[in-house]
Protein backbone atom coordinates (compact mmCIF):
# COMPACT_ATOMS: atom_id res chain seq x y z
CA MET A 1 134.67 91.58 96.93
CA PRO A 2 134.66 93.08 100.48
CA PRO A 3 136.09 90.78 103.14
CA ILE A 4 133.51 88.98 105.26
CA LYS A 5 134.11 89.70 108.96
CA LEU A 6 132.65 86.97 111.11
CA LYS A 7 131.45 87.58 114.65
CA PRO A 8 133.46 85.53 117.17
CA ARG A 9 131.77 82.53 118.74
CA PRO A 10 132.25 81.46 122.37
CA SER A 11 133.37 78.00 121.29
CA ALA A 12 135.74 76.95 118.56
CA GLY A 13 134.44 75.17 115.51
CA HIS A 14 133.84 75.39 111.76
CA ILE A 15 132.19 78.38 110.16
CA GLY A 16 128.42 77.99 110.07
CA ALA A 17 125.65 79.42 107.95
CA ARG A 18 124.49 81.59 110.83
CA GLN A 19 127.84 83.35 111.07
CA ILE A 20 127.92 84.01 107.34
CA TYR A 21 124.33 85.29 107.43
CA GLU A 22 125.05 87.72 110.29
CA ALA A 23 128.23 89.04 108.66
CA LEU A 24 126.48 89.64 105.31
CA ARG A 25 123.44 91.21 106.99
CA ASP A 26 125.65 93.67 108.89
CA GLN A 27 127.52 94.60 105.72
CA ILE A 28 124.28 95.15 103.85
CA MET A 29 122.95 97.46 106.56
CA ALA A 30 126.29 99.30 106.59
CA ARG A 31 125.81 99.89 102.82
CA VAL A 32 129.03 98.06 101.98
CA TYR A 33 127.36 96.84 98.78
CA GLY A 34 125.43 100.05 98.16
CA SER A 35 121.65 100.24 97.86
CA ASP A 36 121.32 97.56 95.17
CA GLY A 37 124.81 96.10 94.71
CA GLN A 38 125.62 92.51 93.96
CA LEU A 39 126.90 90.00 96.48
CA PRO A 40 129.40 87.30 95.51
CA SER A 41 128.08 84.10 94.04
CA SER A 42 127.54 81.22 96.42
CA ARG A 43 130.35 79.28 94.72
CA ALA A 44 132.86 82.16 95.00
CA LEU A 45 132.01 82.94 98.61
CA ALA A 46 132.19 79.26 99.60
CA GLY A 47 135.66 79.03 98.08
CA GLU A 48 136.85 82.15 99.89
CA MET A 49 135.44 81.06 103.24
CA GLY A 50 136.57 77.46 102.92
CA VAL A 51 133.08 76.04 103.50
CA ALA A 52 130.67 73.89 101.56
CA ARG A 53 128.60 75.71 98.96
CA SER A 54 125.46 74.45 100.69
CA THR A 55 126.44 76.40 103.83
CA VAL A 56 126.53 79.67 101.85
CA THR A 57 123.27 78.74 100.13
CA VAL A 58 121.52 78.37 103.51
CA ALA A 59 122.80 81.83 104.56
CA TYR A 60 121.58 83.38 101.29
CA GLU A 61 118.19 81.72 101.65
CA GLN A 62 117.79 83.25 105.12
CA LEU A 63 118.78 86.71 103.85
CA ALA A 64 116.27 86.40 101.03
CA ALA A 65 113.52 85.22 103.37
CA GLU A 66 114.04 88.29 105.55
CA GLY A 67 114.05 90.65 102.58
CA PHE A 68 117.70 91.67 102.67
CA ILE A 69 118.56 90.33 99.20
CA GLU A 70 116.82 89.41 95.97
CA THR A 71 117.79 86.21 94.18
CA ARG A 72 117.26 85.15 90.61
CA HIS A 73 118.23 81.85 89.01
CA GLY A 74 121.53 82.09 87.18
CA ALA A 75 122.41 85.53 88.63
CA ARG A 76 124.34 86.73 91.67
CA PRO A 77 122.25 87.82 94.67
CA ARG A 78 121.52 91.55 94.79
CA VAL A 79 120.85 93.82 97.76
CA ALA A 80 117.16 94.64 98.09
CA ARG A 81 116.94 98.40 97.60
CA ALA A 82 113.81 98.63 99.73
CA VAL A 83 115.42 97.29 102.91
CA VAL A 84 118.29 99.80 102.77
CA GLU A 85 115.95 102.71 102.08
CA ARG A 86 113.66 101.57 104.89
CA GLU A 87 116.58 101.50 107.34
CA ARG A 88 117.68 104.98 106.28
CA THR A 89 114.15 106.30 106.85
CA ARG A 90 113.92 104.61 110.25
CA VAL A 91 117.22 106.11 111.42
CA ALA A 92 116.20 109.55 110.21
CA ALA A 93 112.84 109.28 111.98
CA TYR A 94 114.51 108.53 115.29
CA ALA A 95 117.37 111.00 114.91
CA PRO A 96 117.50 113.47 117.78
CA ALA A 97 116.22 116.96 117.26
CA ARG A 98 118.83 119.58 116.51
CA LYS A 99 118.27 121.23 119.87
CA VAL A 100 117.57 118.85 122.73
CA ARG A 101 115.45 120.37 125.45
CA LEU A 102 116.93 119.56 128.84
CA SER A 103 116.03 120.35 132.41
CA ARG A 104 118.04 122.99 134.21
CA PHE A 105 119.93 120.16 135.87
CA GLY A 106 120.73 118.71 132.45
CA GLU A 107 121.85 122.06 131.08
CA ARG A 108 124.18 122.60 134.02
CA LEU A 109 125.72 119.18 133.50
CA ARG A 110 126.14 119.87 129.80
CA GLN A 111 127.91 123.15 130.52
CA ASP A 112 130.18 121.76 133.24
CA PRO A 113 130.36 117.97 132.88
CA PRO A 114 132.70 115.80 134.93
CA ARG A 115 135.39 114.26 132.79
CA TRP A 116 135.91 110.52 132.58
CA THR A 117 138.71 109.15 130.47
CA GLU A 118 139.56 105.58 129.69
CA PRO A 119 142.49 104.57 131.91
CA PRO A 120 145.59 104.31 129.73
CA ARG A 121 146.82 100.82 129.08
CA GLY A 122 150.28 99.48 128.53
CA LEU A 123 152.07 102.02 130.71
CA VAL A 124 155.19 101.12 132.62
CA ALA A 125 153.77 102.92 135.66
CA ASN A 126 150.52 104.83 136.07
CA PHE A 127 150.62 107.05 139.16
CA ARG A 128 146.89 107.69 139.00
CA TYR A 129 145.21 108.10 142.37
CA GLY A 130 142.26 105.88 143.33
CA GLU A 131 143.38 102.65 141.71
CA LEU A 132 144.15 99.57 143.82
CA SER A 133 146.33 96.61 142.99
CA PRO A 134 144.28 93.52 142.06
CA SER A 135 146.75 91.45 144.07
CA ASP A 136 145.55 93.20 147.25
CA PHE A 137 141.93 92.12 146.90
CA PRO A 138 140.98 89.38 149.42
CA VAL A 139 139.66 86.98 146.80
CA LEU A 140 139.20 83.96 149.05
CA ALA A 141 137.58 85.85 151.94
CA TRP A 142 135.25 87.76 149.63
CA LYS A 143 134.34 84.64 147.65
CA LYS A 144 133.54 82.79 150.86
CA ALA A 145 131.36 85.63 152.11
CA VAL A 146 129.51 86.03 148.79
CA THR A 147 128.96 82.27 148.47
CA ALA A 148 127.48 82.16 151.97
CA ALA A 149 125.23 85.13 151.18
CA MET A 150 124.02 83.49 147.97
CA ALA A 151 123.38 80.18 149.73
CA ARG A 152 121.24 81.77 152.41
CA ARG A 153 117.72 81.25 151.12
CA PRO A 154 115.58 84.34 151.81
CA GLU A 155 111.97 84.07 152.92
CA ARG A 156 111.00 86.02 149.83
CA LEU A 157 112.53 87.96 146.96
CA ALA A 158 111.47 91.53 147.69
CA TYR A 159 112.79 95.04 147.99
CA ASP A 160 114.62 95.71 151.24
CA ASP A 161 115.15 98.64 153.60
CA PRO A 162 116.45 101.58 151.52
CA CYS A 163 118.86 102.46 154.35
CA GLY A 164 120.58 99.12 153.90
CA SER A 165 120.76 95.67 155.43
CA LEU A 166 120.25 95.77 159.20
CA ARG A 167 123.03 93.23 159.53
CA LEU A 168 125.51 95.42 157.65
CA ARG A 169 124.50 98.61 159.44
CA THR A 170 124.94 96.87 162.79
CA ALA A 171 128.37 95.62 161.74
CA LEU A 172 129.32 99.10 160.50
CA GLN A 173 128.21 100.65 163.79
CA GLY A 174 130.74 98.49 165.66
CA TYR A 175 133.48 99.02 163.08
CA LEU A 176 133.12 102.81 163.10
CA TRP A 177 133.32 102.91 166.87
CA ARG A 178 136.42 100.74 167.23
CA SER A 179 138.28 102.14 164.20
CA ARG A 180 137.18 105.80 164.04
CA SER A 181 135.62 106.64 167.46
CA VAL A 182 132.33 107.41 165.70
CA ARG A 183 129.38 106.86 168.05
CA CYS A 184 126.05 106.53 166.28
CA GLU A 185 122.82 104.60 166.31
CA VAL A 186 122.24 101.92 163.70
CA ASP A 187 119.33 103.95 162.31
CA GLN A 188 121.67 106.84 161.53
CA ILE A 189 123.61 104.74 159.00
CA VAL A 190 122.52 104.77 155.35
CA VAL A 191 124.25 102.36 152.96
CA VAL A 192 124.84 103.89 149.53
CA ASN A 193 126.35 102.92 146.19
CA GLY A 194 129.76 104.37 146.86
CA SER A 195 130.59 107.76 148.30
CA GLN A 196 129.50 109.42 145.06
CA GLN A 197 125.87 108.50 145.65
CA GLY A 198 126.21 109.70 149.22
CA LEU A 199 127.32 113.10 147.92
CA ASP A 200 124.47 113.14 145.40
CA ILE A 201 121.85 112.52 148.10
CA CYS A 202 123.34 115.29 150.25
CA ALA A 203 123.30 117.68 147.30
CA ARG A 204 119.67 116.96 146.40
CA LEU A 205 118.41 117.28 149.98
CA LEU A 206 120.47 120.23 151.19
CA LEU A 207 121.03 122.53 148.21
CA ASP A 208 118.80 124.59 145.94
CA SER A 209 119.69 126.62 142.88
CA GLY A 210 121.38 129.82 143.97
CA ASP A 211 122.59 128.46 147.31
CA HIS A 212 126.30 128.47 148.17
CA PHE A 213 128.57 125.63 149.26
CA VAL A 214 132.15 125.69 150.54
CA MET A 215 134.79 123.62 148.72
CA GLU A 216 138.42 123.03 149.58
CA ASP A 217 140.70 124.52 146.93
CA PRO A 218 142.30 122.42 145.55
CA GLY A 219 139.82 119.67 146.26
CA TYR A 220 137.82 116.69 145.07
CA GLN A 221 136.31 117.73 141.76
CA MET A 222 133.56 115.09 141.64
CA ALA A 223 132.12 116.55 144.84
CA ARG A 224 132.13 120.01 143.30
CA HIS A 225 130.41 118.75 140.15
CA THR A 226 127.76 117.00 142.24
CA PHE A 227 126.91 120.08 144.29
CA ALA A 228 127.12 122.50 141.35
CA ALA A 229 124.70 120.38 139.32
CA THR A 230 121.94 121.52 141.69
CA GLY A 231 122.54 125.11 140.59
CA ALA A 232 124.35 126.01 143.82
CA LYS A 233 127.43 128.23 143.66
CA THR A 234 130.91 127.20 144.72
CA VAL A 235 132.74 129.15 147.43
CA PRO A 236 136.36 128.01 147.11
CA VAL A 237 138.39 128.27 150.32
CA PRO A 238 142.16 127.71 150.13
CA VAL A 239 143.92 124.90 151.96
CA ASP A 240 147.40 124.81 153.43
CA ALA A 241 149.49 122.25 155.29
CA ASP A 242 146.76 122.05 157.96
CA GLY A 243 143.84 121.61 155.60
CA LEU A 244 141.00 124.08 155.09
CA GLU A 245 141.93 127.61 156.18
CA THR A 246 138.93 128.01 158.47
CA GLU A 247 139.79 131.64 159.30
CA ARG A 248 138.67 132.50 155.77
CA LEU A 249 135.13 131.31 156.56
CA ALA A 250 134.44 134.57 158.42
CA GLY A 251 131.58 136.29 156.62
CA VAL A 252 130.92 133.32 154.33
CA GLU A 253 127.26 132.29 154.14
CA ALA A 254 126.68 128.83 152.74
CA ARG A 255 124.34 125.88 153.18
CA LEU A 256 127.08 123.28 153.48
CA ALA A 257 130.83 122.74 153.50
CA TYR A 258 132.58 119.72 152.00
CA VAL A 259 135.85 118.82 153.74
CA THR A 260 138.40 116.02 154.00
CA PRO A 261 139.86 116.87 157.43
CA SER A 262 141.62 113.58 158.21
CA HIS A 263 143.68 113.66 155.01
CA GLN A 264 142.96 116.64 152.79
CA TYR A 265 142.55 115.67 149.17
CA PRO A 266 144.87 116.23 147.42
CA LEU A 267 147.50 118.07 149.51
CA GLY A 268 147.34 115.66 152.44
CA GLY A 269 147.08 118.05 155.39
CA VAL A 270 145.46 116.96 158.67
CA MET A 271 143.14 119.58 160.15
CA PRO A 272 144.18 120.45 163.73
CA ILE A 273 141.67 120.53 166.55
CA ARG A 274 141.46 124.34 166.65
CA ARG A 275 140.36 124.52 163.03
CA ARG A 276 137.94 121.67 163.52
CA HIS A 277 136.15 123.57 166.26
CA GLN A 278 136.19 126.73 164.12
CA LEU A 279 134.54 124.84 161.28
CA LEU A 280 131.86 123.37 163.53
CA ALA A 281 131.17 126.78 165.07
CA TRP A 282 130.77 128.30 161.61
CA ALA A 283 128.31 125.54 160.69
CA ARG A 284 126.22 126.19 163.80
CA ARG A 285 126.14 129.95 163.19
CA ASN A 286 125.02 129.49 159.60
CA ASP A 287 122.70 126.56 160.24
CA ALA A 288 124.83 124.73 157.67
CA TYR A 289 125.91 121.11 157.35
CA VAL A 290 129.47 119.84 157.15
CA ILE A 291 130.01 116.81 154.92
CA GLU A 292 133.05 114.99 156.30
CA ASP A 293 134.51 112.72 153.63
CA ASP A 294 136.69 110.22 155.51
CA TYR A 295 137.72 108.53 152.30
CA ASP A 296 141.01 106.83 153.28
CA SER A 297 141.27 107.08 157.06
CA GLU A 298 142.41 103.44 157.36
CA TYR A 299 145.80 104.40 155.95
CA ARG A 300 147.90 106.19 158.55
CA TYR A 301 151.52 105.16 158.78
CA ASP A 302 152.85 107.20 161.69
CA THR A 303 150.12 107.43 164.34
CA ARG A 304 146.59 106.24 165.02
CA PRO A 305 143.88 107.79 162.85
CA ILE A 306 142.81 111.29 163.91
CA PRO A 307 139.31 111.28 165.48
CA PRO A 308 136.86 112.65 162.91
CA LEU A 309 134.73 115.78 163.19
CA HIS A 310 131.77 113.53 163.89
CA ALA A 311 133.38 112.43 167.18
CA LEU A 312 133.75 115.99 168.53
CA GLU A 313 131.36 117.84 170.81
CA GLY A 314 128.98 120.06 168.91
CA SER A 315 129.04 117.91 165.77
CA GLY A 316 125.27 117.72 165.33
CA ASN A 317 125.57 119.32 161.90
CA VAL A 318 128.10 116.78 160.57
CA ILE A 319 127.27 114.17 157.93
CA TYR A 320 129.97 111.49 157.96
CA LEU A 321 130.80 109.76 154.67
CA GLY A 322 132.81 106.54 154.36
CA THR A 323 133.55 103.96 151.67
CA VAL A 324 135.24 100.61 151.02
CA SER A 325 136.57 101.85 147.67
CA LYS A 326 140.05 102.38 149.14
CA THR A 327 140.15 99.21 151.22
CA LEU A 328 138.44 96.54 149.10
CA SER A 329 137.74 97.85 145.61
CA PRO A 330 136.17 100.89 143.89
CA THR A 331 134.29 98.43 141.68
CA LEU A 332 132.11 97.22 144.58
CA ARG A 333 130.31 100.58 144.95
CA ILE A 334 129.62 100.33 148.66
CA GLY A 335 129.68 103.40 150.87
CA TYR A 336 127.81 104.67 153.89
CA LEU A 337 126.56 107.86 155.49
CA VAL A 338 126.12 108.61 159.17
CA VAL A 339 123.42 111.29 159.23
CA PRO A 340 121.86 113.34 162.04
CA ALA A 341 118.90 111.44 163.50
CA GLY A 342 116.42 114.07 162.32
CA LEU A 343 117.49 113.66 158.69
CA ARG A 344 117.31 109.87 158.60
CA PRO A 345 113.73 109.66 157.18
CA LEU A 346 114.62 112.12 154.39
CA PHE A 347 117.78 110.25 153.43
CA ALA A 348 115.86 106.97 153.46
CA ALA A 349 113.21 108.43 151.15
CA ALA A 350 115.83 109.87 148.78
CA LYS A 351 117.68 106.55 148.60
CA GLN A 352 114.43 104.70 147.88
CA VAL A 353 113.55 107.09 145.06
CA MET A 354 116.99 106.76 143.52
CA ASP A 355 117.40 102.99 143.35
CA ARG A 356 115.38 101.30 146.13
CA HIS A 357 118.50 100.02 147.91
CA THR A 358 122.09 98.93 147.42
CA PRO A 359 122.48 95.29 146.18
CA LEU A 360 121.94 92.94 149.09
CA VAL A 361 124.41 90.17 148.29
CA GLU A 362 127.36 92.56 148.51
CA GLN A 363 125.95 94.07 151.70
CA GLU A 364 125.62 90.66 153.33
CA ALA A 365 129.12 89.67 152.22
CA LEU A 366 130.66 92.83 153.68
CA ALA A 367 128.69 92.32 156.90
CA ALA A 368 130.08 88.78 157.20
CA MET A 369 133.66 90.02 156.75
CA LEU A 370 133.16 92.72 159.38
CA GLU A 371 131.61 90.26 161.85
CA SER A 372 134.32 87.63 161.42
CA GLY A 373 137.22 90.05 161.65
CA ALA A 374 138.31 89.22 158.08
CA TYR A 375 137.82 92.84 157.01
CA ASP A 376 140.01 94.20 159.82
CA SER A 377 142.68 91.63 159.00
CA HIS A 378 142.56 92.62 155.36
CA VAL A 379 142.90 96.32 156.21
CA ARG A 380 145.97 95.63 158.35
CA ARG A 381 147.53 93.62 155.52
CA VAL A 382 146.96 96.21 152.78
CA ARG A 383 148.06 99.00 155.13
CA ARG A 384 151.43 97.25 155.45
CA ARG A 385 151.69 96.71 151.70
CA ASN A 386 150.83 100.32 150.90
CA ALA A 387 153.30 101.55 153.50
CA GLU A 388 155.95 99.57 151.61
CA ARG A 389 154.81 101.07 148.31
CA GLN A 390 154.88 104.56 149.75
CA GLN A 391 158.41 104.09 151.09
CA ALA A 392 159.48 102.80 147.69
CA LEU A 393 158.02 105.89 146.02
CA LEU A 394 159.56 108.33 148.48
CA GLY A 395 162.95 106.64 148.20
CA ALA A 396 162.85 106.55 144.41
CA LEU A 397 161.88 110.22 144.17
CA ARG A 398 164.69 111.27 146.53
CA ARG A 399 167.27 109.20 144.64
CA ARG A 400 166.19 110.50 141.25
CA PHE A 401 165.49 114.15 142.12
CA GLY A 402 167.33 114.86 145.36
CA ASP A 403 166.50 118.28 146.78
CA ARG A 404 164.64 119.22 143.59
CA VAL A 405 161.52 117.41 144.83
CA ARG A 406 159.43 118.39 147.85
CA ILE A 407 156.96 115.84 149.24
CA GLU A 408 153.70 116.63 151.06
CA GLY A 409 150.95 114.46 152.50
CA ALA A 410 153.02 111.37 153.27
CA ALA A 411 151.64 110.82 156.78
CA ALA A 412 148.52 109.03 155.52
CA GLY A 413 146.51 107.94 152.52
CA LEU A 414 147.31 106.31 149.21
CA HIS A 415 149.01 109.20 147.45
CA VAL A 416 151.57 111.92 148.00
CA VAL A 417 152.02 115.31 146.38
CA ALA A 418 155.40 115.86 144.75
CA TRP A 419 156.42 119.46 144.06
CA PHE A 420 159.15 119.97 141.47
CA ASP A 421 160.25 123.47 142.40
CA HIS A 422 162.84 123.63 139.59
CA LEU A 423 160.08 123.28 136.99
CA PRO A 424 157.85 126.35 136.47
CA HIS A 425 154.16 125.73 136.02
CA LYS A 426 154.36 126.59 132.32
CA ARG A 427 156.35 123.37 131.78
CA GLU A 428 153.60 121.18 133.30
CA ASP A 429 151.99 120.09 130.02
CA ALA A 430 155.39 119.37 128.50
CA LEU A 431 156.35 117.18 131.47
CA ILE A 432 153.09 115.24 131.29
CA ALA A 433 153.57 114.62 127.56
CA ALA A 434 157.23 113.65 127.93
CA ALA A 435 156.42 111.22 130.75
CA ARG A 436 153.56 109.68 128.81
CA ALA A 437 155.85 109.14 125.82
CA LYS A 438 158.07 107.08 128.12
CA GLY A 439 155.13 105.06 129.47
CA VAL A 440 154.50 106.95 132.71
CA GLY A 441 151.14 108.43 133.70
CA ILE A 442 151.30 111.55 135.92
CA TYR A 443 148.55 113.90 137.11
CA PRO A 444 148.87 117.55 138.15
CA VAL A 445 147.58 119.30 141.26
CA SER A 446 146.42 122.21 139.09
CA ALA A 447 143.60 120.09 137.60
CA LEU A 448 142.01 119.90 141.07
CA ARG A 449 141.76 123.64 141.66
CA VAL A 450 138.33 125.24 141.65
CA GLY A 451 139.34 128.55 140.12
CA PRO A 452 141.92 129.61 137.53
CA ARG A 453 144.59 130.25 140.19
CA ARG A 454 147.74 128.38 139.24
CA THR A 455 150.70 127.10 141.20
CA ARG A 456 154.11 128.59 140.54
CA THR A 457 155.77 125.22 140.06
CA VAL A 458 154.76 121.77 138.85
CA GLY A 459 152.96 119.67 141.46
CA LEU A 460 151.91 116.07 140.89
CA VAL A 461 149.39 113.92 142.76
CA MET A 462 151.16 110.56 142.77
CA GLY A 463 149.10 107.52 143.70
CA TYR A 464 150.93 104.29 144.43
CA SER A 465 148.32 101.78 145.64
CA GLY A 466 147.82 100.28 142.18
CA LEU A 467 151.53 99.65 141.57
CA GLU A 468 154.13 97.17 142.67
CA VAL A 469 157.53 98.26 143.98
CA ALA A 470 159.34 97.41 140.74
CA GLN A 471 156.88 99.52 138.74
CA ILE A 472 157.33 102.45 141.13
CA GLU A 473 161.11 102.28 140.79
CA ARG A 474 160.97 102.06 137.01
CA GLY A 475 158.35 104.80 136.76
CA CYS A 476 160.39 107.27 138.82
CA LYS A 477 163.47 106.55 136.74
CA LEU A 478 161.58 107.33 133.53
CA LEU A 479 159.96 110.40 135.10
CA ALA A 480 163.41 111.72 135.98
CA GLN A 481 164.52 111.19 132.39
CA ALA A 482 161.45 113.07 131.13
CA ALA A 483 162.15 115.96 133.53
CA ALA A 484 165.82 116.07 132.49
CA GLU A 485 164.76 116.59 128.89
CA LEU A 486 162.99 119.80 129.92
CA ASP A 487 165.96 121.33 131.75
């Protein structure tokens, strides 16, 4: 007799007829008993389950009433052949056609889909970029702000401004000015569901199939996927220690350029002022837009944040993109765009078509934290903690690898790039596998390149904001052991 797997109940207690009914029904539909097989007798099943026979009888009566089984006095219940055949016919009728007809957008996504993998669990240390430590989240401040937002009784329950809560946009206007020197009108700010939606709106409004867009190489792959899904073509431009090599834009015709000038992702370079003006001049000549992703500007450990492109003269073609994913949590899905005034109605319309507006409770809570100064206080606190984590990582890498490791991008952000010049690129997969076997997650720079061009040596993007100091120390020790096995 097949074992009966009961569905868990939210509260403890004895096994009931309903649980037995659901378990048997699921097994019948899964053809555990075949198309007309026999179920155990009520006496045998009651003994196995440790319940009264009457409990099993009630479950069998319900199955019979719904047509799942047939009962006959003196015989064991039998699966009703008709119900199994009917389910098979229903599934076949709704099975997808062999060739699904998709839009061109759908076909492009199918041919070049972004990859999402379940974050590995149980690792000693996972140096994956973009994760934050749960201990850093301001639980009390956020709870207080959300509770206040929920308690505020609205005049009506209705859709709101697609550009976002006026209260939040006003608070963001002040924050951007004091923290990033970004001057803008409240109406230029559009609140979005994370920076990814901001990129999607830009792609839909600014690119057509066959257009070209400039991408940093290596760069943020989700941005590339978003733009390429429109049918536009990627123009990869290399980056060096100073970010995008703007001299290479000569002769390039494109509708937009995506850049991370304050902290190039992933190599960490900061674009100097000369290149910034070259980029803006290129945009003006080509009537193109520059999307400035200022994704982690709050984290600078040596000097004040570099003023963004948006703050420079001649920046009328710049769309500024910010997020709270690196300060509060990527799970909140709150980001914002600062768009040229002439584009504001189009961005508002696109946001309304997509999802009406970003959830209001979270917007109001963030606005309250910005107004009270709680957000700024939180940023200062997590900046200190991440500076400590970064120093722990740099120290551990130097102790374990000495002059065999070369670090880039440590002036800002939540990750560094570690180059292991003694390991040729062909050993990259072996190092990743050896580290994973020891419980360490590592991620290569090569995965973030647009084209097939490879690095000569192994380079790793090492995030530290989701780890504690002890994990960083232990992870680097195990990584060194994995690397030693390859020598």
